[in-house]
Amino acid sequence: MDSHTYPVTRTDAEWRARLTPEQYAVMRNHGT
């Protein structure tokens, strides 16, 4: 884990709307 924390203030649906499917998968699942 990196040393920075980012408060998550968006719902999954909001993140899905903002991010590409790839970005969402990486953010949520730490996909590689």
N, C-alpha and C. Protein backbone atom coordinates (compact mmCIF):
# COMPACT_ATOMS: atom_id res chain seq x y z
N MET A 1 0.84 -1.20 0.00
CA MET A 1 0.00 0.00 0.00
C MET A 1 0.88 1.25 0.00
N ASP A 2 0.45 2.26 -0.71
CA ASP A 2 1.22 3.49 -0.65
C ASP A 2 0.86 4.27 0.60
N SER A 3 1.61 5.32 0.86
CA SER A 3 1.45 6.02 2.12
C SER A 3 0.33 7.06 2.06
N HIS A 4 -0.24 7.26 0.90
CA HIS A 4 -1.29 8.26 0.77
C HIS A 4 -2.66 7.59 0.90
N THR A 5 -3.55 8.27 1.59
CA THR A 5 -4.91 7.77 1.67
C THR A 5 -5.83 8.78 0.99
N TYR A 6 -6.80 8.27 0.26
CA TYR A 6 -7.73 9.12 -0.44
C TYR A 6 -9.14 8.82 0.07
N PRO A 7 -9.77 9.78 0.69
CA PRO A 7 -11.13 9.51 1.17
C PRO A 7 -12.05 9.22 0.00
N VAL A 8 -12.78 8.14 0.11
CA VAL A 8 -13.69 7.76 -0.97
C VAL A 8 -15.06 8.32 -0.65
N THR A 9 -15.49 9.28 -1.46
CA THR A 9 -16.76 9.93 -1.21
C THR A 9 -17.76 9.65 -2.31
N ARG A 10 -17.39 8.76 -3.22
CA ARG A 10 -18.30 8.41 -4.31
C ARG A 10 -18.75 6.97 -4.17
N THR A 11 -19.93 6.70 -4.67
CA THR A 11 -20.43 5.34 -4.67
C THR A 11 -19.81 4.57 -5.84
N ASP A 12 -19.96 3.26 -5.81
CA ASP A 12 -19.47 2.45 -6.91
C ASP A 12 -20.06 2.92 -8.24
N ALA A 13 -21.35 3.24 -8.23
CA ALA A 13 -22.00 3.67 -9.47
C ALA A 13 -21.38 4.96 -9.99
N GLU A 14 -21.07 5.88 -9.07
CA GLU A 14 -20.46 7.14 -9.48
C GLU A 14 -19.07 6.90 -10.06
N TRP A 15 -18.30 6.02 -9.42
CA TRP A 15 -16.97 5.71 -9.95
C TRP A 15 -17.08 5.06 -11.32
N ARG A 16 -18.03 4.14 -11.48
CA ARG A 16 -18.19 3.48 -12.79
C ARG A 16 -18.53 4.50 -13.86
N ALA A 17 -19.31 5.51 -13.50
CA ALA A 17 -19.68 6.53 -14.47
C ALA A 17 -18.48 7.41 -14.83
N ARG A 18 -17.58 7.63 -13.88
CA ARG A 18 -16.45 8.53 -14.10
C ARG A 18 -15.28 7.85 -14.77
N LEU A 19 -15.06 6.58 -14.45
CA LEU A 19 -13.86 5.90 -14.91
C LEU A 19 -14.17 4.96 -16.06
N THR A 20 -13.13 4.65 -16.83
CA THR A 20 -13.28 3.61 -17.83
C THR A 20 -13.38 2.27 -17.11
N PRO A 21 -13.92 1.26 -17.74
CA PRO A 21 -13.99 -0.06 -17.09
C PRO A 21 -12.63 -0.53 -16.60
N GLU A 22 -11.58 -0.25 -17.38
CA GLU A 22 -10.24 -0.67 -16.97
C GLU A 22 -9.81 0.08 -15.72
N GLN A 23 -10.00 1.39 -15.71
CA GLN A 23 -9.61 2.18 -14.54
C GLN A 23 -10.38 1.74 -13.30
N TYR A 24 -11.66 1.47 -13.49
CA TYR A 24 -12.49 1.05 -12.37
C TYR A 24 -12.01 -0.27 -11.80
N ALA A 25 -11.69 -1.21 -12.70
CA ALA A 25 -11.23 -2.52 -12.26
C ALA A 25 -9.93 -2.40 -11.48
N VAL A 26 -9.02 -1.56 -11.97
CA VAL A 26 -7.74 -1.38 -11.29
C VAL A 26 -7.96 -0.74 -9.92
N MET A 27 -8.82 0.28 -9.87
CA MET A 27 -9.05 0.97 -8.60
C MET A 27 -9.70 0.04 -7.59
N ARG A 28 -10.72 -0.68 -8.03
CA ARG A 28 -11.51 -1.48 -7.11
C ARG A 28 -10.83 -2.80 -6.75
N ASN A 29 -10.23 -3.42 -7.73
CA ASN A 29 -9.73 -4.78 -7.54
C ASN A 29 -8.22 -4.84 -7.54
N HIS A 30 -7.57 -3.68 -7.66
CA HIS A 30 -6.12 -3.63 -7.80
C HIS A 30 -5.69 -4.54 -8.94
N GLY A 31 -6.48 -4.54 -9.99
CA GLY A 31 -6.20 -5.39 -11.14
C GLY A 31 -4.94 -4.93 -11.85
N THR A 32 -4.30 -5.87 -12.51
CA THR A 32 -3.07 -5.54 -13.22
C THR A 32 -3.19 -6.00 -14.66
